[in-house]
Amino acid sequence: ARVSWIQILWEDPAIQKAYENSNRFQLIDTCKYFMDSIDRIADGEYIPEVDDILRTRVRTTGIIEIDFTMENKQYKMVDVGGQRNERKKWIHCFEDVTAVIFVATISGFNQTYFRG
């Protein structure tokens, strides 16, 4: 019963109109995917599909370092978090750096910036 109420709410025209304008406020870009799949996800026998896992997001806080080896070369990936309040910590991550790769979600190109 609970799922049907969530589905009814999601299908409400006012909610859909708000979703159409979701670039004006902070709404995770996978909201539609998960809301359209709510019946499957809320099932007691739910097992995440590959797409479910790929579409999840864990907000990074702090600095996370991941060491890995690829083709016999050692690499260190540093996730410095994209949040504005984390940026002052980034300077400490740039000692002995030979390359920097900036990764950003393309779905955020038209989102309104939110200071929080």
PDB file of N, CA and C in Angstrom:
ATOM      1  N   ALA A   1       0.829  -1.196   0.000  1.00  0.00           N
ATOM      2  CA  ALA A   1       0.000   0.000   0.000  1.00  0.00           C
ATOM      3  C   ALA A   1       0.871   1.255   0.000  1.00  0.00           C
ATOM      4  N   ARG A   2       1.959   1.214   0.734  1.00  0.00           N
ATOM      5  CA  ARG A   2       2.829   2.375   0.837  1.00  0.00           C
ATOM      6  C   ARG A   2       3.387   2.765  -0.542  1.00  0.00           C
ATOM      7  N   VAL A   3       3.786   1.771  -1.323  1.00  0.00           N
ATOM      8  CA  VAL A   3       4.358   2.043  -2.637  1.00  0.00           C
ATOM      9  C   VAL A   3       3.339   2.704  -3.537  1.00  0.00           C
ATOM     10  N   SER A   4       2.113   2.221  -3.507  1.00  0.00           N
ATOM     11  CA  SER A   4       1.120   2.814  -4.385  1.00  0.00           C
ATOM     12  C   SER A   4       0.916   4.297  -4.084  1.00  0.00           C
ATOM     13  N   TRP A   5       1.006   4.704  -2.835  1.00  0.00           N
ATOM     14  CA  TRP A   5       0.892   6.119  -2.490  1.00  0.00           C
ATOM     15  C   TRP A   5       2.081   6.912  -3.012  1.00  0.00           C
ATOM     16  N   ILE A   6       3.263   6.333  -2.960  1.00  0.00           N
ATOM     17  CA  ILE A   6       4.441   7.002  -3.515  1.00  0.00           C
ATOM     18  C   ILE A   6       4.275   7.149  -5.027  1.00  0.00           C
ATOM     19  N   GLN A   7       3.794   6.098  -5.676  1.00  0.00           N
ATOM     20  CA  GLN A   7       3.587   6.138  -7.123  1.00  0.00           C
ATOM     21  C   GLN A   7       2.516   7.167  -7.475  1.00  0.00           C
ATOM     22  N   ILE A   8       1.441   7.209  -6.717  1.00  0.00           N
ATOM     23  CA  ILE A   8       0.372   8.192  -6.958  1.00  0.00           C
ATOM     24  C   ILE A   8       0.925   9.607  -6.823  1.00  0.00           C
ATOM     25  N   LEU A   9       1.719   9.819  -5.797  1.00  0.00           N
ATOM     26  CA  LEU A   9       2.324  11.136  -5.586  1.00  0.00           C
ATOM     27  C   LEU A   9       3.244  11.490  -6.752  1.00  0.00           C
ATOM     28  N   TRP A  10       4.084  10.559  -7.166  1.00  0.00           N
ATOM     29  CA  TRP A  10       5.015  10.804  -8.272  1.00  0.00           C
ATOM     30  C   TRP A  10       4.272  11.131  -9.565  1.00  0.00           C
ATOM     31  N   GLU A  11       3.136  10.489  -9.798  1.00  0.00           N
ATOM     32  CA  GLU A  11       2.384  10.699 -11.026  1.00  0.00           C
ATOM     33  C   GLU A  11       1.486  11.935 -10.981  1.00  0.00           C
ATOM     34  N   ASP A  12       1.380  12.580  -9.848  1.00  0.00           N
ATOM     35  CA  ASP A  12       0.564  13.780  -9.714  1.00  0.00           C
ATOM     36  C   ASP A  12       1.078  14.869 -10.663  1.00  0.00           C
ATOM     37  N   PRO A  13       0.180  15.539 -11.387  1.00  0.00           N
ATOM     38  CA  PRO A  13       0.598  16.576 -12.345  1.00  0.00           C
ATOM     39  C   PRO A  13       1.444  17.695 -11.718  1.00  0.00           C
ATOM     40  N   ALA A  14       1.142  18.087 -10.501  1.00  0.00           N
ATOM     41  CA  ALA A  14       1.927  19.147  -9.848  1.00  0.00           C
ATOM     42  C   ALA A  14       3.358  18.688  -9.581  1.00  0.00           C
ATOM     43  N   ILE A  15       3.509  17.442  -9.170  1.00  0.00           N
ATOM     44  CA  ILE A  15       4.846  16.891  -8.927  1.00  0.00           C
ATOM     45  C   ILE A  15       5.597  16.788 -10.246  1.00  0.00           C
ATOM     46  N   GLN A  16       4.930  16.338 -11.298  1.00  0.00           N
ATOM     47  CA  GLN A  16       5.566  16.236 -12.608  1.00  0.00           C
ATOM     48  C   GLN A  16       5.975  17.616 -13.137  1.00  0.00           C
ATOM     49  N   LYS A  17       5.153  18.621 -12.885  1.00  0.00           N
ATOM     50  CA  LYS A  17       5.488  19.997 -13.301  1.00  0.00           C
ATOM     51  C   LYS A  17       6.716  20.478 -12.530  1.00  0.00           C
ATOM     52  N   ALA A  18       6.766  20.193 -11.248  1.00  0.00           N
ATOM     53  CA  ALA A  18       7.934  20.560 -10.454  1.00  0.00           C
ATOM     54  C   ALA A  18       9.169  19.836 -10.980  1.00  0.00           C
ATOM     55  N   TYR A  19       9.023  18.562 -11.316  1.00  0.00           N
ATOM     56  CA  TYR A  19      10.155  17.796 -11.844  1.00  0.00           C
ATOM     57  C   TYR A  19      10.662  18.399 -13.161  1.00  0.00           C
ATOM     58  N   GLU A  20       9.758  18.861 -14.007  1.00  0.00           N
ATOM     59  CA  GLU A  20      10.155  19.488 -15.269  1.00  0.00           C
ATOM     60  C   GLU A  20      11.032  20.715 -15.033  1.00  0.00           C
ATOM     61  N   ASN A  21      10.887  21.340 -13.890  1.00  0.00           N
ATOM     62  CA  ASN A  21      11.674  22.524 -13.540  1.00  0.00           C
ATOM     63  C   ASN A  21      12.774  22.205 -12.525  1.00  0.00           C
ATOM     64  N   SER A  22      13.158  20.944 -12.462  1.00  0.00           N
ATOM     65  CA  SER A  22      14.103  20.517 -11.428  1.00  0.00           C
ATOM     66  C   SER A  22      15.499  21.123 -11.587  1.00  0.00           C
ATOM     67  N   ASN A  23      15.794  21.706 -12.744  1.00  0.00           N
ATOM     68  CA  ASN A  23      17.085  22.378 -12.889  1.00  0.00           C
ATOM     69  C   ASN A  23      17.157  23.658 -12.053  1.00  0.00           C
ATOM     70  N   ARG A  24      16.041  24.104 -11.524  1.00  0.00           N
ATOM     71  CA  ARG A  24      16.003  25.321 -10.716  1.00  0.00           C
ATOM     72  C   ARG A  24      16.273  25.064  -9.238  1.00  0.00           C
ATOM     73  N   PHE A  25      16.278  23.806  -8.856  1.00  0.00           N
ATOM     74  CA  PHE A  25      16.563  23.465  -7.465  1.00  0.00           C
ATOM     75  C   PHE A  25      17.368  22.176  -7.430  1.00  0.00           C
ATOM     76  N   GLN A  26      17.871  21.842  -6.286  1.00  0.00           N
ATOM     77  CA  GLN A  26      18.762  20.695  -6.157  1.00  0.00           C
ATOM     78  C   GLN A  26      17.967  19.399  -6.042  1.00  0.00           C
ATOM     79  N   LEU A  27      17.893  18.668  -7.145  1.00  0.00           N
ATOM     80  CA  LEU A  27      17.226  17.375  -7.178  1.00  0.00           C
ATOM     81  C   LEU A  27      18.168  16.421  -7.880  1.00  0.00           C
ATOM     82  N   ILE A  28      18.477  15.328  -7.241  1.00  0.00           N
ATOM     83  CA  ILE A  28      19.416  14.377  -7.823  1.00  0.00           C
ATOM     84  C   ILE A  28      18.929  13.951  -9.200  1.00  0.00           C
ATOM     85  N   ASP A  29      19.846  13.869 -10.155  1.00  0.00           N
ATOM     86  CA  ASP A  29      19.458  13.625 -11.543  1.00  0.00           C
ATOM     87  C   ASP A  29      18.885  12.238 -11.796  1.00  0.00           C
ATOM     88  N   THR A  30      19.026  11.320 -10.870  1.00  0.00           N
ATOM     89  CA  THR A  30      18.478   9.976 -11.045  1.00  0.00           C
ATOM     90  C   THR A  30      17.104   9.807 -10.392  1.00  0.00           C
ATOM     91  N   CYS A  31      16.538  10.889  -9.934  1.00  0.00           N
ATOM     92  CA  CYS A  31      15.232  10.833  -9.270  1.00  0.00           C
ATOM     93  C   CYS A  31      14.190  10.136 -10.146  1.00  0.00           C
ATOM     94  N   LYS A  32      14.082  10.530 -11.400  1.00  0.00           N
ATOM     95  CA  LYS A  32      13.076   9.945 -12.285  1.00  0.00           C
ATOM     96  C   LYS A  32      13.297   8.437 -12.438  1.00  0.00           C
ATOM     97  N   TYR A  33      14.522   8.027 -12.618  1.00  0.00           N
ATOM     98  CA  TYR A  33      14.819   6.603 -12.772  1.00  0.00           C
ATOM     99  C   TYR A  33      14.309   5.821 -11.566  1.00  0.00           C
ATOM    100  N   PHE A  34      14.643   6.277 -10.369  1.00  0.00           N
ATOM    101  CA  PHE A  34      14.248   5.536  -9.172  1.00  0.00           C
ATOM    102  C   PHE A  34      12.747   5.648  -8.893  1.00  0.00           C
ATOM    103  N   MET A  35      12.156   6.802  -9.136  1.00  0.00           N
ATOM    104  CA  MET A  35      10.720   6.943  -8.916  1.00  0.00           C
ATOM    105  C   MET A  35       9.922   6.105  -9.916  1.00  0.00           C
ATOM    106  N   ASP A  36      10.390   6.035 -11.150  1.00  0.00           N
ATOM    107  CA  ASP A  36       9.714   5.193 -12.139  1.00  0.00           C
ATOM    108  C   ASP A  36       9.867   3.710 -11.804  1.00  0.00           C
ATOM    109  N   SER A  37      10.837   3.367 -10.999  1.00  0.00           N
ATOM    110  CA  SER A  37      11.105   1.970 -10.619  1.00  0.00           C
ATOM    111  C   SER A  37      10.669   1.658  -9.186  1.00  0.00           C
ATOM    112  N   ILE A  38       9.888   2.529  -8.590  1.00  0.00           N
ATOM    113  CA  ILE A  38       9.580   2.395  -7.165  1.00  0.00           C
ATOM    114  C   ILE A  38       8.894   1.075  -6.826  1.00  0.00           C
ATOM    115  N   ASP A  39       8.020   0.576  -7.670  1.00  0.00           N
ATOM    116  CA  ASP A  39       7.359  -0.704  -7.389  1.00  0.00           C
ATOM    117  C   ASP A  39       8.376  -1.832  -7.294  1.00  0.00           C
ATOM    118  N   ARG A  40       9.323  -1.850  -8.216  1.00  0.00           N
ATOM    119  CA  ARG A  40      10.354  -2.892  -8.223  1.00  0.00           C
ATOM    120  C   ARG A  40      11.296  -2.739  -7.022  1.00  0.00           C
ATOM    121  N   ILE A  41      11.681  -1.513  -6.727  1.00  0.00           N
ATOM    122  CA  ILE A  41      12.628  -1.260  -5.639  1.00  0.00           C
ATOM    123  C   ILE A  41      12.008  -1.552  -4.274  1.00  0.00           C
ATOM    124  N   ALA A  42      10.732  -1.253  -4.118  1.00  0.00           N
ATOM    125  CA  ALA A  42      10.074  -1.450  -2.822  1.00  0.00           C
ATOM    126  C   ALA A  42       9.628  -2.891  -2.591  1.00  0.00           C
ATOM    127  N   ASP A  43       9.768  -3.731  -3.584  1.00  0.00           N
ATOM    128  CA  ASP A  43       9.399  -5.137  -3.438  1.00  0.00           C
ATOM    129  C   ASP A  43      10.271  -5.793  -2.369  1.00  0.00           C
ATOM    130  N   GLY A  44       9.682  -6.609  -1.542  1.00  0.00           N
ATOM    131  CA  GLY A  44      10.400  -7.284  -0.466  1.00  0.00           C
ATOM    132  C   GLY A  44      11.517  -8.190  -0.956  1.00  0.00           C
ATOM    133  N   GLU A  45      11.454  -8.606  -2.211  1.00  0.00           N
ATOM    134  CA  GLU A  45      12.473  -9.481  -2.802  1.00  0.00           C
ATOM    135  C   GLU A  45      13.466  -8.694  -3.660  1.00  0.00           C
ATOM    136  N   TYR A  46      13.471  -7.379  -3.507  1.00  0.00           N
ATOM    137  CA  TYR A  46      14.306  -6.507  -4.344  1.00  0.00           C
ATOM    138  C   TYR A  46      15.790  -6.862  -4.252  1.00  0.00           C
ATOM    139  N   ILE A  47      16.394  -7.013  -5.426  1.00  0.00           N
ATOM    140  CA  ILE A  47      17.841  -7.161  -5.562  1.00  0.00           C
ATOM    141  C   ILE A  47      18.266  -6.101  -6.573  1.00  0.00           C
ATOM    142  N   PRO A  48      19.202  -5.229  -6.208  1.00  0.00           N
ATOM    143  CA  PRO A  48      19.599  -4.156  -7.128  1.00  0.00           C
ATOM    144  C   PRO A  48      20.107  -4.694  -8.455  1.00  0.00           C
ATOM    145  N   GLU A  49      19.692  -4.038  -9.529  1.00  0.00           N
ATOM    146  CA  GLU A  49      20.192  -4.340 -10.862  1.00  0.00           C
ATOM    147  C   GLU A  49      21.456  -3.507 -11.090  1.00  0.00           C
ATOM    148  N   VAL A  50      22.185  -3.828 -12.129  1.00  0.00           N
ATOM    149  CA  VAL A  50      23.413  -3.087 -12.437  1.00  0.00           C
ATOM    150  C   VAL A  50      23.103  -1.597 -12.593  1.00  0.00           C
ATOM    151  N   ASP A  51      22.028  -1.269 -13.310  1.00  0.00           N
ATOM    152  CA  ASP A  51      21.664   0.144 -13.489  1.00  0.00           C
ATOM    153  C   ASP A  51      21.344   0.825 -12.160  1.00  0.00           C
ATOM    154  N   ASP A  52      20.728   0.106 -11.244  1.00  0.00           N
ATOM    155  CA  ASP A  52      20.436   0.686  -9.929  1.00  0.00           C
ATOM    156  C   ASP A  52      21.732   1.108  -9.246  1.00  0.00           C
ATOM    157  N   ILE A  53      22.713   0.250  -9.319  1.00  0.00           N
ATOM    158  CA  ILE A  53      23.998   0.523  -8.666  1.00  0.00           C
ATOM    159  C   ILE A  53      24.721   1.662  -9.370  1.00  0.00           C
ATOM    160  N   LEU A  54      24.732   1.641 -10.689  1.00  0.00           N
ATOM    161  CA  LEU A  54      25.421   2.683 -11.442  1.00  0.00           C
ATOM    162  C   LEU A  54      24.773   4.049 -11.272  1.00  0.00           C
ATOM    163  N   ARG A  55      23.494   4.086 -10.991  1.00  0.00           N
ATOM    164  CA  ARG A  55      22.784   5.353 -10.872  1.00  0.00           C
ATOM    165  C   ARG A  55      22.729   5.891  -9.440  1.00  0.00           C
ATOM    166  N   THR A  56      23.302   5.172  -8.512  1.00  0.00           N
ATOM    167  CA  THR A  56      23.324   5.689  -7.142  1.00  0.00           C
ATOM    168  C   THR A  56      24.428   6.714  -7.006  1.00  0.00           C
ATOM    169  N   ARG A  57      24.294   7.548  -6.009  1.00  0.00           N
ATOM    170  CA  ARG A  57      25.296   8.570  -5.760  1.00  0.00           C
ATOM    171  C   ARG A  57      25.503   8.667  -4.262  1.00  0.00           C
ATOM    172  N   VAL A  58      26.755   8.703  -3.893  1.00  0.00           N
ATOM    173  CA  VAL A  58      27.099   8.939  -2.498  1.00  0.00           C
ATOM    174  C   VAL A  58      27.849  10.260  -2.470  1.00  0.00           C
ATOM    175  N   ARG A  59      27.313  11.207  -1.773  1.00  0.00           N
ATOM    176  CA  ARG A  59      27.936  12.526  -1.708  1.00  0.00           C
ATOM    177  C   ARG A  59      29.271  12.422  -0.991  1.00  0.00           C
ATOM    178  N   THR A  60      30.297  12.937  -1.620  1.00  0.00           N
ATOM    179  CA  THR A  60      31.636  12.889  -1.052  1.00  0.00           C
ATOM    180  C   THR A  60      31.810  14.015  -0.048  1.00  0.00           C
ATOM    181  N   THR A  61      32.295  13.672   1.118  1.00  0.00           N
ATOM    182  CA  THR A  61      32.697  14.683   2.079  1.00  0.00           C
ATOM    183  C   THR A  61      34.115  14.353   2.496  1.00  0.00           C
ATOM    184  N   GLY A  62      34.907  15.367   2.637  1.00  0.00           N
ATOM    185  CA  GLY A  62      36.304  15.128   2.971  1.00  0.00           C
ATOM    186  C   GLY A  62      37.090  14.707   1.742  1.00  0.00           C
ATOM    187  N   ILE A  63      38.276  14.205   1.977  1.00  0.00           N
ATOM    188  CA  ILE A  63      39.166  13.779   0.908  1.00  0.00           C
ATOM    189  C   ILE A  63      39.319  12.269   0.997  1.00  0.00           C
ATOM    190  N   ILE A  64      39.072  11.591  -0.108  1.00  0.00           N
ATOM    191  CA  ILE A  64      39.171  10.137  -0.144  1.00  0.00           C
ATOM    192  C   ILE A  64      40.257   9.754  -1.138  1.00  0.00           C
ATOM    193  N   GLU A  65      41.233   8.964  -0.678  1.00  0.00           N
ATOM    194  CA  GLU A  65      42.318   8.513  -1.539  1.00  0.00           C
ATOM    195  C   GLU A  65      42.159   7.030  -1.834  1.00  0.00           C
ATOM    196  N   ILE A  66      42.340   6.678  -3.105  1.00  0.00           N
ATOM    197  CA  ILE A  66      42.231   5.287  -3.536  1.00  0.00           C
ATOM    198  C   ILE A  66      43.488   4.945  -4.331  1.00  0.00           C
ATOM    199  N   ASP A  67      44.242   3.970  -3.843  1.00  0.00           N
ATOM    200  CA  ASP A  67      45.435   3.499  -4.540  1.00  0.00           C
ATOM    201  C   ASP A  67      45.052   2.298  -5.401  1.00  0.00           C
ATOM    202  N   PHE A  68      45.559   2.268  -6.628  1.00  0.00           N
ATOM    203  CA  PHE A  68      45.305   1.113  -7.485  1.00  0.00           C
ATOM    204  C   PHE A  68      46.445   0.942  -8.486  1.00  0.00           C
ATOM    205  N   THR A  69      46.518  -0.242  -9.045  1.00  0.00           N
ATOM    206  CA  THR A  69      47.537  -0.581 -10.032  1.00  0.00           C
ATOM    207  C   THR A  69      46.839  -0.930 -11.339  1.00  0.00           C
ATOM    208  N   MET A  70      47.382  -0.378 -12.429  1.00  0.00           N
ATOM    209  CA  MET A  70      46.847  -0.677 -13.745  1.00  0.00           C
ATOM    210  C   MET A  70      48.028  -0.789 -14.703  1.00  0.00           C
ATOM    211  N   GLU A  71      48.099  -1.903 -15.391  1.00  0.00           N
ATOM    212  CA  GLU A  71      49.195  -2.174 -16.320  1.00  0.00           C
ATOM    213  C   GLU A  71      50.551  -1.952 -15.650  1.00  0.00           C
ATOM    214  N   ASN A  72      50.694  -2.515 -14.457  1.00  0.00           N
ATOM    215  CA  ASN A  72      51.927  -2.477 -13.665  1.00  0.00           C
ATOM    216  C   ASN A  72      52.375  -1.074 -13.259  1.00  0.00           C
ATOM    217  N   LYS A  73      51.462  -0.125 -13.255  1.00  0.00           N
ATOM    218  CA  LYS A  73      51.769   1.233 -12.802  1.00  0.00           C
ATOM    219  C   LYS A  73      50.892   1.558 -11.607  1.00  0.00           C
ATOM    220  N   GLN A  74      51.502   2.210 -10.621  1.00  0.00           N
ATOM    221  CA  GLN A  74      50.784   2.597  -9.406  1.00  0.00           C
ATOM    222  C   GLN A  74      50.102   3.950  -9.621  1.00  0.00           C
ATOM    223  N   TYR A  75      48.871   4.035  -9.208  1.00  0.00           N
ATOM    224  CA  TYR A  75      48.117   5.277  -9.304  1.00  0.00           C
ATOM    225  C   TYR A  75      47.475   5.585  -7.961  1.00  0.00           C
ATOM    226  N   LYS A  76      47.257   6.849  -7.740  1.00  0.00           N
ATOM    227  CA  LYS A  76      46.499   7.288  -6.570  1.00  0.00           C
ATOM    228  C   LYS A  76      45.413   8.222  -7.090  1.00  0.00           C
ATOM    229  N   MET A  77      44.178   7.832  -6.843  1.00  0.00           N
ATOM    230  CA  MET A  77      43.054   8.670  -7.209  1.00  0.00           C
ATOM    231  C   MET A  77      42.599   9.378  -5.942  1.00  0.00           C
ATOM    232  N   VAL A  78      42.429  10.683  -6.048  1.00  0.00           N
ATOM    233  CA  VAL A  78      42.019  11.477  -4.893  1.00  0.00           C
ATOM    234  C   VAL A  78      40.696  12.147  -5.221  1.00  0.00           C
ATOM    235  N   ASP A  79      39.674  11.788  -4.482  1.00  0.00           N
ATOM    236  CA  ASP A  79      38.357  12.416  -4.618  1.00  0.00           C
ATOM    237  C   ASP A  79      38.304  13.508  -3.567  1.00  0.00           C
ATOM    238  N   VAL A  80      38.344  14.747  -4.033  1.00  0.00           N
ATOM    239  CA  VAL A  80      38.369  15.869  -3.097  1.00  0.00           C
ATOM    240  C   VAL A  80      36.983  16.413  -2.799  1.00  0.00           C
ATOM    241  N   GLY A  81      35.991  15.813  -3.372  1.00  0.00           N
ATOM    242  CA  GLY A  81      34.626  16.284  -3.121  1.00  0.00           C
ATOM    243  C   GLY A  81      34.384  17.577  -3.874  1.00  0.00           C
ATOM    244  N   GLY A  82      33.248  17.687  -4.499  1.00  0.00           N
ATOM    245  CA  GLY A  82      32.951  18.875  -5.286  1.00  0.00           C
ATOM    246  C   GLY A  82      32.292  19.981  -4.500  1.00  0.00           C
ATOM    247  N   GLN A  83      31.974  19.720  -3.254  1.00  0.00           N
ATOM    248  CA  GLN A  83      31.276  20.723  -2.468  1.00  0.00           C
ATOM    249  C   GLN A  83      32.180  21.920  -2.205  1.00  0.00           C
ATOM    250  N   ARG A  84      31.603  23.081  -2.282  1.00  0.00           N
ATOM    251  CA  ARG A  84      32.340  24.333  -2.113  1.00  0.00           C
ATOM    252  C   ARG A  84      33.106  24.375  -0.798  1.00  0.00           C
ATOM    253  N   ASN A  85      32.524  23.882   0.281  1.00  0.00           N
ATOM    254  CA  ASN A  85      33.188  23.958   1.586  1.00  0.00           C
ATOM    255  C   ASN A  85      34.376  23.008   1.685  1.00  0.00           C
ATOM    256  N   GLU A  86      34.566  22.112   0.721  1.00  0.00           N
ATOM    257  CA  GLU A  86      35.701  21.188   0.726  1.00  0.00           C
ATOM    258  C   GLU A  86      36.897  21.759  -0.040  1.00  0.00           C
ATOM    259  N   ARG A  87      36.692  22.790  -0.817  1.00  0.00           N
ATOM    260  CA  ARG A  87      37.728  23.275  -1.729  1.00  0.00           C
ATOM    261  C   ARG A  87      38.985  23.765  -1.024  1.00  0.00           C
ATOM    262  N   LYS A  88      38.873  24.326   0.148  1.00  0.00           N
ATOM    263  CA  LYS A  88      40.063  24.822   0.846  1.00  0.00           C
ATOM    264  C   LYS A  88      41.001  23.691   1.255  1.00  0.00           C
ATOM    265  N   LYS A  89      40.506  22.469   1.265  1.00  0.00           N
ATOM    266  CA  LYS A  89      41.338  21.317   1.615  1.00  0.00           C
ATOM    267  C   LYS A  89      42.104  20.766   0.416  1.00  0.00           C
ATOM    268  N   TRP A  90      41.735  21.172  -0.786  1.00  0.00           N
ATOM    269  CA  TRP A  90      42.316  20.612  -1.998  1.00  0.00           C
ATOM    270  C   TRP A  90      43.807  20.882  -2.130  1.00  0.00           C
ATOM    271  N   ILE A  91      44.269  22.053  -1.712  1.00  0.00           N
ATOM    272  CA  ILE A  91      45.661  22.448  -1.919  1.00  0.00           C
ATOM    273  C   ILE A  91      46.634  21.398  -1.395  1.00  0.00           C
ATOM    274  N   HIS A  92      46.275  20.698  -0.363  1.00  0.00           N
ATOM    275  CA  HIS A  92      47.145  19.687   0.229  1.00  0.00           C
ATOM    276  C   HIS A  92      47.240  18.423  -0.624  1.00  0.00           C
ATOM    277  N   CYS A  93      46.410  18.313  -1.624  1.00  0.00           N
ATOM    278  CA  CYS A  93      46.395  17.121  -2.484  1.00  0.00           C
ATOM    279  C   CYS A  93      47.277  17.276  -3.718  1.00  0.00           C
ATOM    280  N   PHE A  94      47.924  18.429  -3.898  1.00  0.00           N
ATOM    281  CA  PHE A  94      48.624  18.687  -5.144  1.00  0.00           C
ATOM    282  C   PHE A  94      50.146  18.584  -5.050  1.00  0.00           C
ATOM    283  N   GLU A  95      50.676  17.949  -4.024  1.00  0.00           N
ATOM    284  CA  GLU A  95      52.118  17.727  -3.937  1.00  0.00           C
ATOM    285  C   GLU A  95      52.484  16.527  -4.799  1.00  0.00           C
ATOM    286  N   ASP A  96      53.544  16.639  -5.589  1.00  0.00           N
ATOM    287  CA  ASP A  96      54.028  15.569  -6.465  1.00  0.00           C
ATOM    288  C   ASP A  96      52.971  15.069  -7.451  1.00  0.00           C
ATOM    289  N   VAL A  97      52.129  15.950  -7.919  1.00  0.00           N
ATOM    290  CA  VAL A  97      51.077  15.584  -8.866  1.00  0.00           C
ATOM    291  C   VAL A  97      51.618  15.678 -10.287  1.00  0.00           C
ATOM    292  N   THR A  98      51.344  14.671 -11.104  1.00  0.00           N
ATOM    293  CA  THR A  98      51.760  14.699 -12.507  1.00  0.00           C
ATOM    294  C   THR A  98      50.577  14.879 -13.454  1.00  0.00           C
ATOM    295  N   ALA A  99      49.367  14.692 -12.964  1.00  0.00           N
ATOM    296  CA  ALA A  99      48.179  14.879 -13.806  1.00  0.00           C
ATOM    297  C   ALA A  99      46.974  15.171 -12.924  1.00  0.00           C
ATOM    298  N   VAL A 100      46.085  15.969 -13.448  1.00  0.00           N
ATOM    299  CA  VAL A 100      44.833  16.276 -12.758  1.00  0.00           C
ATOM    300  C   VAL A 100      43.696  16.046 -13.747  1.00  0.00           C
ATOM    301  N   ILE A 101      42.702  15.287 -13.326  1.00  0.00           N
ATOM    302  CA  ILE A 101      41.520  15.053 -14.143  1.00  0.00           C
ATOM    303  C   ILE A 101      40.319  15.560 -13.361  1.00  0.00           C
ATOM    304  N   PHE A 102      39.600  16.495 -13.939  1.00  0.00           N
ATOM    305  CA  PHE A 102      38.392  17.006 -13.310  1.00  0.00           C
ATOM    306  C   PHE A 102      37.205  16.237 -13.873  1.00  0.00           C
ATOM    307  N   VAL A 103      36.378  15.718 -13.003  1.00  0.00           N
ATOM    308  CA  VAL A 103      35.197  14.961 -13.411  1.00  0.00           C
ATOM    309  C   VAL A 103      33.967  15.700 -12.903  1.00  0.00           C
ATOM    310  N   ALA A 104      33.040  15.922 -13.802  1.00  0.00           N
ATOM    311  CA  ALA A 104      31.801  16.602 -13.430  1.00  0.00           C
ATOM    312  C   ALA A 104      30.647  15.918 -14.148  1.00  0.00           C
ATOM    313  N   THR A 105      29.512  15.925 -13.534  1.00  0.00           N
ATOM    314  CA  THR A 105      28.334  15.339 -14.157  1.00  0.00           C
ATOM    315  C   THR A 105      27.805  16.273 -15.243  1.00  0.00           C
ATOM    316  N   ILE A 106      27.523  15.723 -16.395  1.00  0.00           N
ATOM    317  CA  ILE A 106      27.000  16.536 -17.488  1.00  0.00           C
ATOM    318  C   ILE A 106      25.551  16.936 -17.222  1.00  0.00           C
ATOM    319  N   SER A 107      24.879  16.194 -16.374  1.00  0.00           N
ATOM    320  CA  SER A 107      23.477  16.515 -16.087  1.00  0.00           C
ATOM    321  C   SER A 107      23.341  17.812 -15.293  1.00  0.00           C
ATOM    322  N   GLY A 108      24.416  18.315 -14.757  1.00  0.00           N
ATOM    323  CA  GLY A 108      24.348  19.538 -13.968  1.00  0.00           C
ATOM    324  C   GLY A 108      24.583  20.809 -14.760  1.00  0.00           C
ATOM    325  N   PHE A 109      24.700  20.709 -16.073  1.00  0.00           N
ATOM    326  CA  PHE A 109      25.056  21.876 -16.870  1.00  0.00           C
ATOM    327  C   PHE A 109      24.049  23.019 -16.768  1.00  0.00           C
ATOM    328  N   ASN A 110      22.782  22.717 -16.526  1.00  0.00           N
ATOM    329  CA  ASN A 110      21.768  23.777 -16.499  1.00  0.00           C
ATOM    330  C   ASN A 110      21.133  23.947 -15.125  1.00  0.00           C
ATOM    331  N   GLN A 111      21.795  23.439 -14.103  1.00  0.00           N
ATOM    332  CA  GLN A 111      21.232  23.547 -12.758  1.00  0.00           C
ATOM    333  C   GLN A 111      21.576  24.904 -12.143  1.00  0.00           C
ATOM    334  N   THR A 112      20.658  25.398 -11.369  1.00  0.00           N
ATOM    335  CA  THR A 112      20.873  26.632 -10.632  1.00  0.00           C
ATOM    336  C   THR A 112      21.811  26.337  -9.467  1.00  0.00           C
ATOM    337  N   TYR A 113      22.811  27.183  -9.280  1.00  0.00           N
ATOM    338  CA  TYR A 113      23.759  26.998  -8.196  1.00  0.00           C
ATOM    339  C   TYR A 113      23.080  27.263  -6.858  1.00  0.00           C
ATOM    340  N   PHE A 114      23.263  26.369  -5.944  1.00  0.00           N
ATOM    341  CA  PHE A 114      22.667  26.488  -4.610  1.00  0.00           C
ATOM    342  C   PHE A 114      23.771  26.618  -3.580  1.00  0.00           C
ATOM    343  N   ARG A 115      23.760  27.670  -2.816  1.00  0.00           N
ATOM    344  CA  ARG A 115      24.731  27.836  -1.732  1.00  0.00           C
ATOM    345  C   ARG A 115      24.097  27.307  -0.456  1.00  0.00           C
ATOM    346  N   GLY A 116      24.747  26.301   0.110  1.00  0.00           N
ATOM    347  CA  GLY A 116      24.161  25.724   1.302  1.00  0.00           C
ATOM    348  C   GLY A 116      25.155  25.383   2.351  1.00  0.00           C
TER     349      GLY A 116
END
